[in-house]
N, C-alpha and C. Protein backbone atom coordinates (compact mmCIF):
# COMPACT_ATOMS: atom_id res chain seq x y z
N MET A 1 16.98 -46.71 -12.71
CA MET A 1 16.03 -45.62 -12.65
C MET A 1 15.10 -45.76 -11.44
N GLN A 2 14.75 -46.97 -11.09
CA GLN A 2 13.86 -47.19 -9.97
C GLN A 2 14.50 -46.76 -8.66
N LYS A 3 15.81 -46.91 -8.55
CA LYS A 3 16.51 -46.50 -7.34
C LYS A 3 16.35 -45.00 -7.10
N ASP A 4 16.44 -44.20 -8.16
CA ASP A 4 16.27 -42.76 -8.03
C ASP A 4 14.85 -42.41 -7.59
N SER A 5 13.86 -43.10 -8.11
CA SER A 5 12.49 -42.79 -7.73
C SER A 5 12.24 -43.15 -6.27
N ARG A 6 12.89 -44.19 -5.77
CA ARG A 6 12.75 -44.52 -4.34
C ARG A 6 13.37 -43.44 -3.47
N LYS A 7 14.50 -42.89 -3.90
CA LYS A 7 15.12 -41.80 -3.14
C LYS A 7 14.18 -40.60 -3.09
N ASN A 8 13.55 -40.28 -4.21
CA ASN A 8 12.61 -39.17 -4.24
C ASN A 8 11.43 -39.43 -3.32
N GLU A 9 10.92 -40.65 -3.32
CA GLU A 9 9.79 -40.98 -2.47
C GLU A 9 10.16 -40.86 -1.00
N GLU A 10 11.39 -41.21 -0.65
CA GLU A 10 11.84 -41.11 0.73
C GLU A 10 11.91 -39.65 1.18
N ARG A 11 12.14 -38.74 0.25
CA ARG A 11 12.23 -37.33 0.58
C ARG A 11 10.87 -36.64 0.63
N LEU A 12 9.85 -37.30 0.12
CA LEU A 12 8.52 -36.71 0.11
C LEU A 12 7.83 -36.90 1.45
N LEU A 13 7.04 -35.92 1.82
CA LEU A 13 6.21 -36.07 3.01
C LEU A 13 4.99 -36.91 2.65
N PRO A 14 4.56 -37.76 3.56
CA PRO A 14 3.36 -38.55 3.27
C PRO A 14 2.14 -37.64 3.08
N PHE A 15 1.27 -38.04 2.18
CA PHE A 15 0.06 -37.28 1.92
C PHE A 15 -0.74 -37.07 3.19
N GLU A 16 -0.80 -38.10 4.03
CA GLU A 16 -1.57 -38.02 5.27
C GLU A 16 -1.06 -36.89 6.18
N THR A 17 0.25 -36.70 6.19
CA THR A 17 0.85 -35.63 7.00
C THR A 17 0.43 -34.27 6.47
N ILE A 18 0.48 -34.10 5.17
CA ILE A 18 0.10 -32.83 4.56
C ILE A 18 -1.39 -32.56 4.79
N LYS A 19 -2.20 -33.57 4.60
CA LYS A 19 -3.64 -33.42 4.81
C LYS A 19 -3.94 -33.05 6.26
N ALA A 20 -3.28 -33.73 7.19
CA ALA A 20 -3.49 -33.44 8.61
C ALA A 20 -3.07 -32.01 8.94
N ALA A 21 -1.99 -31.56 8.35
CA ALA A 21 -1.51 -30.19 8.60
C ALA A 21 -2.53 -29.17 8.09
N THR A 22 -3.11 -29.44 6.93
CA THR A 22 -4.10 -28.50 6.39
C THR A 22 -5.38 -28.49 7.22
N GLU A 23 -5.57 -29.54 8.01
CA GLU A 23 -6.74 -29.61 8.88
C GLU A 23 -6.43 -29.09 10.29
N GLY A 24 -5.21 -28.56 10.47
CA GLY A 24 -4.87 -27.93 11.74
C GLY A 24 -4.11 -28.80 12.72
N ASP A 25 -3.67 -29.97 12.32
CA ASP A 25 -2.91 -30.86 13.21
C ASP A 25 -1.53 -30.26 13.49
N VAL A 26 -1.29 -29.91 14.74
CA VAL A 26 -0.04 -29.24 15.13
C VAL A 26 1.16 -30.16 14.93
N ASP A 27 1.03 -31.43 15.27
CA ASP A 27 2.14 -32.37 15.09
C ASP A 27 2.52 -32.51 13.62
N ALA A 28 1.53 -32.55 12.76
CA ALA A 28 1.79 -32.65 11.32
C ALA A 28 2.50 -31.39 10.82
N MET A 29 2.05 -30.25 11.31
CA MET A 29 2.70 -28.99 10.90
C MET A 29 4.15 -28.96 11.36
N ASP A 30 4.40 -29.45 12.56
CA ASP A 30 5.79 -29.52 13.05
C ASP A 30 6.65 -30.42 12.17
N LYS A 31 6.07 -31.53 11.71
CA LYS A 31 6.81 -32.43 10.81
C LYS A 31 7.15 -31.72 9.50
N ILE A 32 6.21 -30.95 9.00
CA ILE A 32 6.45 -30.22 7.74
C ILE A 32 7.53 -29.17 7.94
N LEU A 33 7.45 -28.42 9.03
CA LEU A 33 8.47 -27.41 9.30
C LEU A 33 9.84 -28.05 9.47
N LYS A 34 9.90 -29.17 10.15
CA LYS A 34 11.17 -29.88 10.33
C LYS A 34 11.71 -30.36 8.99
N HIS A 35 10.83 -30.86 8.15
CA HIS A 35 11.22 -31.35 6.83
C HIS A 35 11.82 -30.24 5.97
N TYR A 36 11.22 -29.06 6.02
CA TYR A 36 11.65 -27.95 5.17
C TYR A 36 12.67 -27.02 5.83
N LYS A 37 13.04 -27.27 7.07
CA LYS A 37 13.96 -26.38 7.78
C LYS A 37 15.27 -26.15 7.02
N PRO A 38 15.94 -27.19 6.51
CA PRO A 38 17.19 -26.92 5.77
C PRO A 38 16.98 -26.02 4.54
N TYR A 39 15.88 -26.20 3.86
CA TYR A 39 15.58 -25.38 2.68
C TYR A 39 15.29 -23.94 3.09
N ILE A 40 14.55 -23.77 4.17
CA ILE A 40 14.24 -22.43 4.67
C ILE A 40 15.53 -21.71 5.07
N VAL A 41 16.40 -22.41 5.76
CA VAL A 41 17.68 -21.81 6.16
C VAL A 41 18.49 -21.43 4.92
N LYS A 42 18.52 -22.31 3.94
CA LYS A 42 19.27 -22.02 2.71
C LYS A 42 18.72 -20.77 2.02
N LEU A 43 17.41 -20.64 1.98
CA LEU A 43 16.81 -19.46 1.36
C LEU A 43 17.07 -18.18 2.17
N SER A 44 17.36 -18.34 3.45
CA SER A 44 17.54 -17.19 4.34
C SER A 44 18.98 -16.70 4.41
N ILE A 45 19.90 -17.38 3.76
CA ILE A 45 21.31 -16.98 3.83
C ILE A 45 21.53 -15.74 2.97
N ARG A 46 22.16 -14.77 3.57
CA ARG A 46 22.50 -13.51 2.89
C ARG A 46 24.02 -13.36 2.90
N THR A 47 24.53 -12.69 1.90
CA THR A 47 25.96 -12.44 1.80
C THR A 47 26.21 -10.94 1.84
N ASP A 48 27.17 -10.56 2.68
CA ASP A 48 27.55 -9.16 2.81
C ASP A 48 29.07 -9.11 2.67
N GLY A 49 29.52 -8.85 1.46
CA GLY A 49 30.96 -8.87 1.22
C GLY A 49 31.49 -10.28 1.35
N ASP A 50 32.40 -10.47 2.30
CA ASP A 50 32.99 -11.79 2.53
C ASP A 50 32.21 -12.62 3.54
N LYS A 51 31.22 -12.01 4.17
CA LYS A 51 30.49 -12.69 5.24
C LYS A 51 29.14 -13.19 4.76
N SER A 52 28.78 -14.37 5.23
CA SER A 52 27.44 -14.90 5.00
C SER A 52 26.76 -15.05 6.35
N TYR A 53 25.48 -14.81 6.36
CA TYR A 53 24.73 -14.92 7.61
C TYR A 53 23.29 -15.31 7.30
N ILE A 54 22.61 -15.81 8.32
CA ILE A 54 21.20 -16.16 8.17
C ILE A 54 20.37 -14.94 8.56
N ASP A 55 19.57 -14.49 7.64
CA ASP A 55 18.67 -13.37 7.89
C ASP A 55 17.47 -13.92 8.68
N GLU A 56 17.50 -13.70 9.99
CA GLU A 56 16.47 -14.27 10.87
C GLU A 56 15.08 -13.72 10.57
N ASP A 57 14.99 -12.46 10.18
CA ASP A 57 13.68 -11.90 9.82
C ASP A 57 13.09 -12.62 8.61
N LEU A 58 13.91 -12.83 7.61
CA LEU A 58 13.45 -13.55 6.42
C LEU A 58 13.09 -14.99 6.76
N ARG A 59 13.91 -15.64 7.58
CA ARG A 59 13.64 -17.02 7.97
C ARG A 59 12.29 -17.12 8.68
N GLU A 60 12.04 -16.19 9.59
CA GLU A 60 10.77 -16.18 10.31
C GLU A 60 9.59 -15.95 9.36
N ARG A 61 9.76 -15.05 8.41
CA ARG A 61 8.68 -14.80 7.45
C ARG A 61 8.39 -16.04 6.61
N LEU A 62 9.44 -16.75 6.22
CA LEU A 62 9.25 -17.98 5.44
C LEU A 62 8.52 -19.04 6.27
N VAL A 63 8.89 -19.16 7.53
CA VAL A 63 8.21 -20.11 8.41
C VAL A 63 6.74 -19.74 8.55
N LEU A 64 6.47 -18.47 8.73
CA LEU A 64 5.08 -18.02 8.88
C LEU A 64 4.27 -18.26 7.62
N MET A 65 4.92 -18.18 6.47
CA MET A 65 4.21 -18.39 5.21
C MET A 65 3.70 -19.82 5.07
N ILE A 66 4.43 -20.77 5.64
CA ILE A 66 3.99 -22.15 5.51
C ILE A 66 3.30 -22.66 6.77
N SER A 67 3.16 -21.81 7.75
CA SER A 67 2.48 -22.22 8.99
C SER A 67 0.99 -22.01 8.88
């Protein structure tokens, strides 16, 4: 069980990074955006028949929401 909790901790952003981002630190915000980029892309995928594509407008809106 401890092994799973270590994996979760490795995936978490450090509190200091989050705090710095809320205080306007641009580098911290970049780290947060980089951390969540795969999730943002996943949320932005749209399907049209047999085709899947990234909805860039939606992706940009999601990025702006956490910026």
